């Protein structure tokens, strides 16, 4: 049997609590910290700042979630690396290692217990 206090105006409590947290200034501050750390890592690359400029924070999920990411269409190969070929299906000419900006950012962020 459901508890009388598991909903408020028909909204499950877990959704209500998540919505309150999502509206908090602390969530904005954490997203800003992640974005600035990512940009600092990207600034260390030889990409002349273009990748750094593509890093942004957007709100999603009814404006409650923050997603820090890149608008660069080549973000995935830049992060993880890629093989060089002179034509599709051609022989491998070399490999460009990834910049691992996201991985380095995660390593620099404070740990939460």
PDB file of N, CA and C in Angstrom:
ATOM      1  N   UNK A   1       0.830  -1.171   0.000  1.00  0.00           N
ATOM      2  CA  UNK A   1       0.000   0.000   0.000  1.00  0.00           C
ATOM      3  C   UNK A   1       0.885   1.248   0.000  1.00  0.00           C
ATOM      4  N   UNK A   2       0.470   2.248  -0.775  1.00  0.00           N
ATOM      5  CA  UNK A   2       1.247   3.485  -0.878  1.00  0.00           C
ATOM      6  C   UNK A   2       1.104   4.312   0.386  1.00  0.00           C
ATOM      7  N   UNK A   3       2.158   4.965   0.744  1.00  0.00           N
ATOM      8  CA  UNK A   3       2.174   5.857   1.891  1.00  0.00           C
ATOM      9  C   UNK A   3       1.425   7.135   1.529  1.00  0.00           C
ATOM     10  N   UNK A   4       0.736   7.715   2.453  1.00  0.00           N
ATOM     11  CA  UNK A   4      -0.007   8.950   2.216  1.00  0.00           C
ATOM     12  C   UNK A   4       0.935  10.079   1.806  1.00  0.00           C
ATOM     13  N   UNK A   5       2.190  10.035   2.279  1.00  0.00           N
ATOM     14  CA  UNK A   5       3.127  11.130   2.043  1.00  0.00           C
ATOM     15  C   UNK A   5       4.090  10.885   0.890  1.00  0.00           C
ATOM     16  N   UNK A   6       3.780   9.926  -0.007  1.00  0.00           N
ATOM     17  CA  UNK A   6       4.717   9.655  -1.095  1.00  0.00           C
ATOM     18  C   UNK A   6       4.469  10.536  -2.316  1.00  0.00           C
ATOM     19  N   UNK A   7       3.466  11.425  -2.243  1.00  0.00           N
ATOM     20  CA  UNK A   7       3.185  12.340  -3.344  1.00  0.00           C
ATOM     21  C   UNK A   7       2.762  13.700  -2.788  1.00  0.00           C
ATOM     22  N   UNK A   8       3.013  14.737  -3.578  1.00  0.00           N
ATOM     23  CA  UNK A   8       2.544  16.084  -3.259  1.00  0.00           C
ATOM     24  C   UNK A   8       1.822  16.589  -4.490  1.00  0.00           C
ATOM     25  N   UNK A   9       0.546  16.850  -4.338  1.00  0.00           N
ATOM     26  CA  UNK A   9      -0.294  17.278  -5.470  1.00  0.00           C
ATOM     27  C   UNK A   9      -0.158  16.330  -6.658  1.00  0.00           C
ATOM     28  N   UNK A  10      -0.071  15.036  -6.378  1.00  0.00           N
ATOM     29  CA  UNK A  10       0.016  14.029  -7.432  1.00  0.00           C
ATOM     30  C   UNK A  10       1.404  13.830  -8.014  1.00  0.00           C
ATOM     31  N   UNK A  11       2.394  14.564  -7.531  1.00  0.00           N
ATOM     32  CA  UNK A  11       3.769  14.447  -8.032  1.00  0.00           C
ATOM     33  C   UNK A  11       4.554  13.561  -7.062  1.00  0.00           C
ATOM     34  N   UNK A  12       5.171  12.464  -7.564  1.00  0.00           N
ATOM     35  CA  UNK A  12       5.988  11.624  -6.671  1.00  0.00           C
ATOM     36  C   UNK A  12       7.088  12.448  -6.008  1.00  0.00           C
ATOM     37  N   UNK A  13       7.347  12.149  -4.739  1.00  0.00           N
ATOM     38  CA  UNK A  13       8.331  12.927  -3.969  1.00  0.00           C
ATOM     39  C   UNK A  13       9.709  12.939  -4.618  1.00  0.00           C
ATOM     40  N   UNK A  14      10.157  11.794  -5.181  1.00  0.00           N
ATOM     41  CA  UNK A  14      11.498  11.777  -5.780  1.00  0.00           C
ATOM     42  C   UNK A  14      11.592  12.753  -6.949  1.00  0.00           C
ATOM     43  N   UNK A  15      10.502  12.920  -7.707  1.00  0.00           N
ATOM     44  CA  UNK A  15      10.507  13.896  -8.805  1.00  0.00           C
ATOM     45  C   UNK A  15      10.506  15.320  -8.262  1.00  0.00           C
ATOM     46  N   UNK A  16       9.752  15.534  -7.213  1.00  0.00           N
ATOM     47  CA  UNK A  16       9.689  16.856  -6.602  1.00  0.00           C
ATOM     48  C   UNK A  16      11.049  17.266  -6.047  1.00  0.00           C
ATOM     49  N   UNK A  17      11.705  16.357  -5.340  1.00  0.00           N
ATOM     50  CA  UNK A  17      13.025  16.643  -4.764  1.00  0.00           C
ATOM     51  C   UNK A  17      14.056  16.869  -5.864  1.00  0.00           C
ATOM     52  N   UNK A  18      14.034  16.042  -6.919  1.00  0.00           N
ATOM     53  CA  UNK A  18      14.973  16.222  -8.035  1.00  0.00           C
ATOM     54  C   UNK A  18      14.757  17.573  -8.710  1.00  0.00           C
ATOM     55  N   UNK A  19      13.505  17.985  -8.832  1.00  0.00           N
ATOM     56  CA  UNK A  19      13.210  19.284  -9.432  1.00  0.00           C
ATOM     57  C   UNK A  19      13.736  20.437  -8.601  1.00  0.00           C
ATOM     58  N   UNK A  20      13.619  20.322  -7.282  1.00  0.00           N
ATOM     59  CA  UNK A  20      14.139  21.362  -6.391  1.00  0.00           C
ATOM     60  C   UNK A  20      15.661  21.454  -6.522  1.00  0.00           C
ATOM     61  N   UNK A  21      16.331  20.298  -6.520  1.00  0.00           N
ATOM     62  CA  UNK A  21      17.797  20.291  -6.674  1.00  0.00           C
ATOM     63  C   UNK A  21      18.194  20.855  -8.030  1.00  0.00           C
ATOM     64  N   UNK A  22      17.425  20.518  -9.066  1.00  0.00           N
ATOM     65  CA  UNK A  22      17.736  20.986 -10.410  1.00  0.00           C
ATOM     66  C   UNK A  22      17.628  22.490 -10.568  1.00  0.00           C
ATOM     67  N   UNK A  23      16.814  23.117  -9.743  1.00  0.00           N
ATOM     68  CA  UNK A  23      16.649  24.573  -9.801  1.00  0.00           C
ATOM     69  C   UNK A  23      17.680  25.318  -8.960  1.00  0.00           C
ATOM     70  N   UNK A  24      18.565  24.593  -8.309  1.00  0.00           N
ATOM     71  CA  UNK A  24      19.465  25.232  -7.349  1.00  0.00           C
ATOM     72  C   UNK A  24      20.660  25.920  -8.011  1.00  0.00           C
ATOM     73  N   UNK A  25      21.135  26.954  -7.342  1.00  0.00           N
ATOM     74  CA  UNK A  25      22.326  27.674  -7.795  1.00  0.00           C
ATOM     75  C   UNK A  25      23.561  26.780  -7.711  1.00  0.00           C
ATOM     76  N   UNK A  26      23.537  25.812  -6.789  1.00  0.00           N
ATOM     77  CA  UNK A  26      24.668  24.889  -6.648  1.00  0.00           C
ATOM     78  C   UNK A  26      24.859  24.064  -7.920  1.00  0.00           C
ATOM     79  N   UNK A  27      23.768  23.640  -8.550  1.00  0.00           N
ATOM     80  CA  UNK A  27      23.880  22.881  -9.798  1.00  0.00           C
ATOM     81  C   UNK A  27      24.513  23.748 -10.891  1.00  0.00           C
ATOM     82  N   UNK A  28      24.127  25.018 -10.944  1.00  0.00           N
ATOM     83  CA  UNK A  28      24.741  25.930 -11.914  1.00  0.00           C
ATOM     84  C   UNK A  28      26.230  26.103 -11.621  1.00  0.00           C
ATOM     85  N   UNK A  29      26.585  26.209 -10.334  1.00  0.00           N
ATOM     86  CA  UNK A  29      27.988  26.396  -9.942  1.00  0.00           C
ATOM     87  C   UNK A  29      28.822  25.173 -10.317  1.00  0.00           C
ATOM     88  N   UNK A  30      28.281  23.981 -10.110  1.00  0.00           N
ATOM     89  CA  UNK A  30      29.014  22.756 -10.466  1.00  0.00           C
ATOM     90  C   UNK A  30      29.197  22.674 -11.975  1.00  0.00           C
ATOM     91  N   UNK A  31      28.151  22.976 -12.730  1.00  0.00           N
ATOM     92  CA  UNK A  31      28.266  22.950 -14.190  1.00  0.00           C
ATOM     93  C   UNK A  31      29.297  23.969 -14.668  1.00  0.00           C
ATOM     94  N   UNK A  32      29.316  25.145 -14.055  1.00  0.00           N
ATOM     95  CA  UNK A  32      30.298  26.172 -14.427  1.00  0.00           C
ATOM     96  C   UNK A  32      31.715  25.703 -14.114  1.00  0.00           C
ATOM     97  N   UNK A  33      31.888  25.004 -12.982  1.00  0.00           N
ATOM     98  CA  UNK A  33      33.204  24.487 -12.620  1.00  0.00           C
ATOM     99  C   UNK A  33      33.665  23.423 -13.623  1.00  0.00           C
ATOM    100  N   UNK A  34      32.752  22.539 -14.014  1.00  0.00           N
ATOM    101  CA  UNK A  34      33.096  21.504 -14.999  1.00  0.00           C
ATOM    102  C   UNK A  34      33.455  22.156 -16.335  1.00  0.00           C
ATOM    103  N   UNK A  35      32.654  23.125 -16.766  1.00  0.00           N
ATOM    104  CA  UNK A  35      32.920  23.805 -18.036  1.00  0.00           C
ATOM    105  C   UNK A  35      34.270  24.523 -18.013  1.00  0.00           C
ATOM    106  N   UNK A  36      34.563  25.245 -16.944  1.00  0.00           N
ATOM    107  CA  UNK A  36      35.832  25.990 -16.900  1.00  0.00           C
ATOM    108  C   UNK A  36      37.028  25.031 -16.836  1.00  0.00           C
ATOM    109  N   UNK A  37      36.870  23.912 -16.138  1.00  0.00           N
ATOM    110  CA  UNK A  37      37.952  22.923 -16.085  1.00  0.00           C
ATOM    111  C   UNK A  37      38.176  22.305 -17.452  1.00  0.00           C
ATOM    112  N   UNK A  38      37.072  21.998 -18.154  1.00  0.00           N
ATOM    113  CA  UNK A  38      37.194  21.447 -19.504  1.00  0.00           C
ATOM    114  C   UNK A  38      37.879  22.433 -20.440  1.00  0.00           C
ATOM    115  N   UNK A  39      37.507  23.695 -20.346  1.00  0.00           N
ATOM    116  CA  UNK A  39      38.123  24.714 -21.208  1.00  0.00           C
ATOM    117  C   UNK A  39      39.605  24.874 -20.889  1.00  0.00           C
ATOM    118  N   UNK A  40      39.965  24.772 -19.616  1.00  0.00           N
ATOM    119  CA  UNK A  40      41.377  24.876 -19.238  1.00  0.00           C
ATOM    120  C   UNK A  40      42.169  23.708 -19.818  1.00  0.00           C
ATOM    121  N   UNK A  41      41.597  22.516 -19.798  1.00  0.00           N
ATOM    122  CA  UNK A  41      42.266  21.353 -20.394  1.00  0.00           C
ATOM    123  C   UNK A  41      42.367  21.512 -21.907  1.00  0.00           C
ATOM    124  N   UNK A  42      41.301  22.000 -22.531  1.00  0.00           N
ATOM    125  CA  UNK A  42      41.301  22.190 -23.984  1.00  0.00           C
ATOM    126  C   UNK A  42      42.314  23.252 -24.398  1.00  0.00           C
ATOM    127  N   UNK A  43      42.510  24.257 -23.549  1.00  0.00           N
ATOM    128  CA  UNK A  43      43.447  25.335 -23.868  1.00  0.00           C
ATOM    129  C   UNK A  43      44.883  24.834 -23.963  1.00  0.00           C
ATOM    130  N   UNK A  44      45.163  23.687 -23.361  1.00  0.00           N
ATOM    131  CA  UNK A  44      46.511  23.119 -23.410  1.00  0.00           C
ATOM    132  C   UNK A  44      46.814  22.452 -24.746  1.00  0.00           C
ATOM    133  N   UNK A  45      45.790  22.241 -25.568  1.00  0.00           N
ATOM    134  CA  UNK A  45      46.003  21.564 -26.847  1.00  0.00           C
ATOM    135  C   UNK A  45      46.528  22.547 -27.894  1.00  0.00           C
ATOM    136  N   UNK A  46      46.939  22.013 -29.022  1.00  0.00           N
ATOM    137  CA  UNK A  46      47.474  22.854 -30.101  1.00  0.00           C
ATOM    138  C   UNK A  46      46.380  23.239 -31.097  1.00  0.00           C
ATOM    139  N   UNK A  47      45.138  23.135 -30.667  1.00  0.00           N
ATOM    140  CA  UNK A  47      43.988  23.354 -31.540  1.00  0.00           C
ATOM    141  C   UNK A  47      43.650  24.838 -31.704  1.00  0.00           C
ATOM    142  N   UNK A  48      44.489  25.724 -31.307  1.00  0.00           N
ATOM    143  CA  UNK A  48      44.345  27.181 -31.443  1.00  0.00           C
ATOM    144  C   UNK A  48      43.049  27.729 -30.860  1.00  0.00           C
ATOM    145  N   UNK A  49      42.520  27.080 -29.840  1.00  0.00           N
ATOM    146  CA  UNK A  49      41.357  27.603 -29.151  1.00  0.00           C
ATOM    147  C   UNK A  49      40.010  27.267 -29.753  1.00  0.00           C
ATOM    148  N   UNK A  50      39.988  26.687 -30.945  1.00  0.00           N
ATOM    149  CA  UNK A  50      38.690  26.396 -31.560  1.00  0.00           C
ATOM    150  C   UNK A  50      37.899  25.366 -30.764  1.00  0.00           C
ATOM    151  N   UNK A  51      38.573  24.316 -30.295  1.00  0.00           N
ATOM    152  CA  UNK A  51      37.860  23.317 -29.516  1.00  0.00           C
ATOM    153  C   UNK A  51      37.412  23.904 -28.181  1.00  0.00           C
ATOM    154  N   UNK A  52      38.271  24.688 -27.579  1.00  0.00           N
ATOM    155  CA  UNK A  52      37.936  25.338 -26.309  1.00  0.00           C
ATOM    156  C   UNK A  52      36.664  26.183 -26.446  1.00  0.00           C
ATOM    157  N   UNK A  53      36.555  26.902 -27.557  1.00  0.00           N
ATOM    158  CA  UNK A  53      35.389  27.752 -27.792  1.00  0.00           C
ATOM    159  C   UNK A  53      34.113  26.947 -28.019  1.00  0.00           C
ATOM    160  N   UNK A  54      34.241  25.674 -28.390  1.00  0.00           N
ATOM    161  CA  UNK A  54      33.060  24.844 -28.663  1.00  0.00           C
ATOM    162  C   UNK A  54      32.472  24.232 -27.394  1.00  0.00           C
ATOM    163  N   UNK A  55      33.143  24.397 -26.262  1.00  0.00           N
ATOM    164  CA  UNK A  55      32.680  23.807 -25.009  1.00  0.00           C
ATOM    165  C   UNK A  55      31.634  24.723 -24.390  1.00  0.00           C
ATOM    166  N   UNK A  56      30.498  24.143 -24.058  1.00  0.00           N
ATOM    167  CA  UNK A  56      29.390  24.930 -23.543  1.00  0.00           C
ATOM    168  C   UNK A  56      28.531  24.096 -22.588  1.00  0.00           C
ATOM    169  N   UNK A  57      27.735  24.771 -21.807  1.00  0.00           N
ATOM    170  CA  UNK A  57      26.780  24.109 -20.915  1.00  0.00           C
ATOM    171  C   UNK A  57      25.376  24.411 -21.414  1.00  0.00           C
ATOM    172  N   UNK A  58      24.562  23.382 -21.522  1.00  0.00           N
ATOM    173  CA  UNK A  58      23.160  23.559 -21.900  1.00  0.00           C
ATOM    174  C   UNK A  58      22.287  22.926 -20.823  1.00  0.00           C
ATOM    175  N   UNK A  59      21.091  23.446 -20.701  1.00  0.00           N
ATOM    176  CA  UNK A  59      20.119  22.854 -19.780  1.00  0.00           C
ATOM    177  C   UNK A  59      19.247  21.897 -20.581  1.00  0.00           C
ATOM    178  N   UNK A  60      18.954  20.771 -19.967  1.00  0.00           N
ATOM    179  CA  UNK A  60      18.141  19.749 -20.629  1.00  0.00           C
ATOM    180  C   UNK A  60      17.153  19.193 -19.621  1.00  0.00           C
ATOM    181  N   UNK A  61      16.328  18.265 -20.055  1.00  0.00           N
ATOM    182  CA  UNK A  61      15.408  17.614 -19.136  1.00  0.00           C
ATOM    183  C   UNK A  61      14.500  18.594 -18.433  1.00  0.00           C
ATOM    184  N   UNK A  62      13.742  19.360 -19.193  1.00  0.00           N
ATOM    185  CA  UNK A  62      12.851  20.398 -18.644  1.00  0.00           C
ATOM    186  C   UNK A  62      13.625  21.492 -17.937  1.00  0.00           C
ATOM    187  N   UNK A  63      14.868  21.690 -18.352  1.00  0.00           N
ATOM    188  CA  UNK A  63      15.685  22.767 -17.799  1.00  0.00           C
ATOM    189  C   UNK A  63      16.282  22.473 -16.451  1.00  0.00           C
ATOM    190  N   UNK A  64      16.218  21.215 -16.007  1.00  0.00           N
ATOM    191  CA  UNK A  64      16.702  20.855 -14.668  1.00  0.00           C
ATOM    192  C   UNK A  64      18.120  20.295 -14.702  1.00  0.00           C
ATOM    193  N   UNK A  65      18.497  19.617 -15.787  1.00  0.00           N
ATOM    194  CA  UNK A  65      19.818  19.003 -15.890  1.00  0.00           C
ATOM    195  C   UNK A  65      20.760  19.927 -16.636  1.00  0.00           C
ATOM    196  N   UNK A  66      22.039  19.826 -16.328  1.00  0.00           N
ATOM    197  CA  UNK A  66      23.059  20.570 -17.069  1.00  0.00           C
ATOM    198  C   UNK A  66      23.937  19.570 -17.797  1.00  0.00           C
ATOM    199  N   UNK A  67      24.204  19.847 -19.058  1.00  0.00           N
ATOM    200  CA  UNK A  67      25.088  19.003 -19.851  1.00  0.00           C
ATOM    201  C   UNK A  67      26.234  19.880 -20.332  1.00  0.00           C
ATOM    202  N   UNK A  68      27.442  19.511 -19.945  1.00  0.00           N
ATOM    203  CA  UNK A  68      28.626  20.229 -20.405  1.00  0.00           C
ATOM    204  C   UNK A  68      29.218  19.393 -21.532  1.00  0.00           C
ATOM    205  N   UNK A  69      29.372  20.001 -22.683  1.00  0.00           N
ATOM    206  CA  UNK A  69      29.881  19.254 -23.825  1.00  0.00           C
ATOM    207  C   UNK A  69      30.442  20.182 -24.878  1.00  0.00           C
ATOM    208  N   UNK A  70      30.669  19.606 -26.037  1.00  0.00           N
ATOM    209  CA  UNK A  70      31.253  20.349 -27.144  1.00  0.00           C
ATOM    210  C   UNK A  70      30.302  20.342 -28.331  1.00  0.00           C
ATOM    211  N   UNK A  71      30.229  21.468 -29.005  1.00  0.00           N
ATOM    212  CA  UNK A  71      29.438  21.558 -30.236  1.00  0.00           C
ATOM    213  C   UNK A  71      30.270  21.208 -31.457  1.00  0.00           C
ATOM    214  N   UNK A  72      31.544  20.897 -31.258  1.00  0.00           N
ATOM    215  CA  UNK A  72      32.443  20.534 -32.355  1.00  0.00           C
ATOM    216  C   UNK A  72      32.026  19.176 -32.912  1.00  0.00           C
ATOM    217  N   UNK A  73      31.719  19.080 -34.216  1.00  0.00           N
ATOM    218  CA  UNK A  73      31.319  17.788 -34.779  1.00  0.00           C
ATOM    219  C   UNK A  73      32.444  16.741 -34.739  1.00  0.00           C
ATOM    220  N   UNK A  74      33.660  17.169 -34.506  1.00  0.00           N
ATOM    221  CA  UNK A  74      34.793  16.237 -34.416  1.00  0.00           C
ATOM    222  C   UNK A  74      35.225  15.999 -32.974  1.00  0.00           C
ATOM    223  N   UNK A  75      34.346  16.290 -32.024  1.00  0.00           N
ATOM    224  CA  UNK A  75      34.698  16.150 -30.607  1.00  0.00           C
ATOM    225  C   UNK A  75      35.083  14.715 -30.247  1.00  0.00           C
ATOM    226  N   UNK A  76      34.381  13.726 -30.764  1.00  0.00           N
ATOM    227  CA  UNK A  76      34.671  12.333 -30.399  1.00  0.00           C
ATOM    228  C   UNK A  76      36.050  11.897 -30.901  1.00  0.00           C
ATOM    229  N   UNK A  77      36.392  12.084 -32.185  1.00  0.00           N
ATOM    230  CA  UNK A  77      37.745  11.700 -32.591  1.00  0.00           C
ATOM    231  C   UNK A  77      38.833  12.542 -31.925  1.00  0.00           C
ATOM    232  N   UNK A  78      38.534  13.783 -31.592  1.00  0.00           N
ATOM    233  CA  UNK A  78      39.518  14.602 -30.885  1.00  0.00           C
ATOM    234  C   UNK A  78      39.738  14.063 -29.472  1.00  0.00           C
ATOM    235  N   UNK A  79      38.682  13.595 -28.842  1.00  0.00           N
ATOM    236  CA  UNK A  79      38.793  13.056 -27.483  1.00  0.00           C
ATOM    237  C   UNK A  79      39.523  11.713 -27.472  1.00  0.00           C
ATOM    238  N   UNK A  80      39.123  10.809 -28.359  1.00  0.00           N
ATOM    239  CA  UNK A  80      39.616   9.431 -28.304  1.00  0.00           C
ATOM    240  C   UNK A  80      40.701   9.081 -29.307  1.00  0.00           C
ATOM    241  N   UNK A  81      40.948   9.951 -30.283  1.00  0.00           N
ATOM    242  CA  UNK A  81      41.943   9.663 -31.306  1.00  0.00           C
ATOM    243  C   UNK A  81      41.292   9.082 -32.551  1.00  0.00           C
ATOM    244  N   UNK A  82      42.079   9.038 -33.642  1.00  0.00           N
ATOM    245  CA  UNK A  82      41.537   8.500 -34.891  1.00  0.00           C
ATOM    246  C   UNK A  82      42.653   8.077 -35.840  1.00  0.00           C
ATOM    247  N   UNK A  83      42.279   7.203 -36.731  1.00  0.00           N
ATOM    248  CA  UNK A  83      43.202   6.702 -37.759  1.00  0.00           C
ATOM    249  C   UNK A  83      43.161   7.658 -38.954  1.00  0.00           C
ATOM    250  N   UNK A  84      44.312   7.861 -39.581  1.00  0.00           N
ATOM    251  CA  UNK A  84      44.400   8.709 -40.773  1.00  0.00           C
ATOM    252  C   UNK A  84      44.444   7.806 -42.004  1.00  0.00           C
ATOM    253  N   UNK A  85      43.601   8.107 -42.969  1.00  0.00           N
ATOM    254  CA  UNK A  85      43.582   7.422 -44.270  1.00  0.00           C
ATOM    255  C   UNK A  85      43.456   8.497 -45.345  1.00  0.00           C
ATOM    256  N   UNK A  86      44.002   8.271 -46.520  1.00  0.00           N
ATOM    257  CA  UNK A  86      43.863   9.273 -47.578  1.00  0.00           C
ATOM    258  C   UNK A  86      42.549   9.127 -48.335  1.00  0.00           C
ATOM    259  N   UNK A  87      41.885   7.989 -48.171  1.00  0.00           N
ATOM    260  CA  UNK A  87      40.570   7.797 -48.761  1.00  0.00           C
ATOM    261  C   UNK A  87      39.808   6.779 -47.933  1.00  0.00           C
ATOM    262  N   UNK A  88      38.487   6.835 -48.007  1.00  0.00           N
ATOM    263  CA  UNK A  88      37.666   5.917 -47.231  1.00  0.00           C
ATOM    264  C   UNK A  88      37.995   4.474 -47.609  1.00  0.00           C
ATOM    265  N   UNK A  89      38.279   3.677 -46.593  1.00  0.00           N
ATOM    266  CA  UNK A  89      38.634   2.281 -46.824  1.00  0.00           C
ATOM    267  C   UNK A  89      40.073   2.075 -47.266  1.00  0.00           C
ATOM    268  N   UNK A  90      40.823   3.155 -47.428  1.00  0.00           N
ATOM    269  CA  UNK A  90      42.219   3.054 -47.842  1.00  0.00           C
ATOM    270  C   UNK A  90      43.108   2.558 -46.711  1.00  0.00           C
ATOM    271  N   UNK A  91      44.367   2.396 -47.006  1.00  0.00           N
ATOM    272  CA  UNK A  91      45.278   1.885 -45.977  1.00  0.00           C
ATOM    273  C   UNK A  91      45.483   2.911 -44.855  1.00  0.00           C
ATOM    274  N   UNK A  92      45.799   2.396 -43.685  1.00  0.00           N
ATOM    275  CA  UNK A  92      46.084   3.262 -42.547  1.00  0.00           C
ATOM    276  C   UNK A  92      47.415   3.965 -42.783  1.00  0.00           C
ATOM    277  N   UNK A  93      47.408   5.279 -42.669  1.00  0.00           N
ATOM    278  CA  UNK A  93      48.625   6.066 -42.854  1.00  0.00           C
ATOM    279  C   UNK A  93      49.231   6.498 -41.518  1.00  0.00           C
ATOM    280  N   UNK A  94      48.433   6.440 -40.491  1.00  0.00           N
ATOM    281  CA  UNK A  94      48.928   6.839 -39.180  1.00  0.00           C
ATOM    282  C   UNK A  94      47.786   6.921 -38.193  1.00  0.00           C
ATOM    283  N   UNK A  95      48.140   7.332 -36.995  1.00  0.00           N
ATOM    284  CA  UNK A  95      47.154   7.441 -35.929  1.00  0.00           C
ATOM    285  C   UNK A  95      47.399   8.738 -35.174  1.00  0.00           C
ATOM    286  N   UNK A  96      46.319   9.481 -34.944  1.00  0.00           N
ATOM    287  CA  UNK A  96      46.387  10.713 -34.151  1.00  0.00           C
ATOM    288  C   UNK A  96      45.833  10.377 -32.771  1.00  0.00           C
ATOM    289  N   UNK A  97      46.654  10.467 -31.730  1.00  0.00           N
ATOM    290  CA  UNK A  97      46.149  10.149 -30.398  1.00  0.00           C
ATOM    291  C   UNK A  97      45.115  11.172 -29.932  1.00  0.00           C
ATOM    292  N   UNK A  98      44.197  10.717 -29.094  1.00  0.00           N
ATOM    293  CA  UNK A  98      43.168  11.608 -28.562  1.00  0.00           C
ATOM    294  C   UNK A  98      43.738  12.594 -27.562  1.00  0.00           C
ATOM    295  N   UNK A  99      43.029  13.707 -27.394  1.00  0.00           N
ATOM    296  CA  UNK A  99      43.442  14.722 -26.431  1.00  0.00           C
ATOM    297  C   UNK A  99      42.955  14.372 -25.024  1.00  0.00           C
ATOM    298  N   UNK A 100      41.944  13.538 -24.905  1.00  0.00           N
ATOM    299  CA  UNK A 100      41.405  13.073 -23.619  1.00  0.00           C
ATOM    300  C   UNK A 100      41.054  14.234 -22.687  1.00  0.00           C
ATOM    301  N   UNK A 101      40.463  15.264 -23.254  1.00  0.00           N
ATOM    302  CA  UNK A 101      40.098  16.448 -22.477  1.00  0.00           C
ATOM    303  C   UNK A 101      39.036  16.109 -21.440  1.00  0.00           C
ATOM    304  N   UNK A 102      38.037  15.345 -21.820  1.00  0.00           N
ATOM    305  CA  UNK A 102      36.997  14.972 -20.868  1.00  0.00           C
ATOM    306  C   UNK A 102      37.573  14.097 -19.763  1.00  0.00           C
ATOM    307  N   UNK A 103      38.388  13.129 -20.125  1.00  0.00           N
ATOM    308  CA  UNK A 103      39.005  12.268 -19.117  1.00  0.00           C
ATOM    309  C   UNK A 103      39.885  13.040 -18.148  1.00  0.00           C
ATOM    310  N   UNK A 104      40.660  13.977 -18.664  1.00  0.00           N
ATOM    311  CA  UNK A 104      41.516  14.805 -17.803  1.00  0.00           C
ATOM    312  C   UNK A 104      40.678  15.717 -16.912  1.00  0.00           C
ATOM    313  N   UNK A 105      39.561  16.202 -17.459  1.00  0.00           N
ATOM    314  CA  UNK A 105      38.657  17.042 -16.665  1.00  0.00           C
ATOM    315  C   UNK A 105      38.094  16.243 -15.503  1.00  0.00           C
ATOM    316  N   UNK A 106      37.624  15.050 -15.776  1.00  0.00           N
ATOM    317  CA  UNK A 106      37.067  14.206 -14.710  1.00  0.00           C
ATOM    318  C   UNK A 106      38.099  13.924 -13.625  1.00  0.00           C
ATOM    319  N   UNK A 107      39.338  13.720 -14.024  1.00  0.00           N
ATOM    320  CA  UNK A 107      40.397  13.446 -13.054  1.00  0.00           C
ATOM    321  C   UNK A 107      40.679  14.665 -12.166  1.00  0.00           C
ATOM    322  N   UNK A 108      40.463  15.860 -12.678  1.00  0.00           N
ATOM    323  CA  UNK A 108      40.754  17.090 -11.923  1.00  0.00           C
ATOM    324  C   UNK A 108      39.618  17.521 -11.000  1.00  0.00           C
ATOM    325  N   UNK A 109      38.408  17.023 -11.227  1.00  0.00           N
ATOM    326  CA  UNK A 109      37.275  17.456 -10.421  1.00  0.00           C
ATOM    327  C   UNK A 109      37.331  16.881  -9.019  1.00  0.00           C
ATOM    328  N   UNK A 110      36.814  17.610  -8.035  1.00  0.00           N
ATOM    329  CA  UNK A 110      36.815  17.103  -6.666  1.00  0.00           C
ATOM    330  C   UNK A 110      35.975  15.832  -6.556  1.00  0.00           C
ATOM    331  N   UNK A 111      36.416  14.931  -5.736  1.00  0.00           N
ATOM    332  CA  UNK A 111      35.696  13.678  -5.526  1.00  0.00           C
ATOM    333  C   UNK A 111      34.583  13.914  -4.509  1.00  0.00           C
ATOM    334  N   UNK A 112      33.453  13.272  -4.740  1.00  0.00           N
ATOM    335  CA  UNK A 112      32.304  13.388  -3.845  1.00  0.00           C
ATOM    336  C   UNK A 112      32.079  12.030  -3.198  1.00  0.00           C
ATOM    337  N   UNK A 113      32.022  12.030  -1.885  1.00  0.00           N
ATOM    338  CA  UNK A 113      31.767  10.772  -1.152  1.00  0.00           C
ATOM    339  C   UNK A 113      30.300  10.585  -0.900  1.00  0.00           C
TER     340      UNK A 113
END
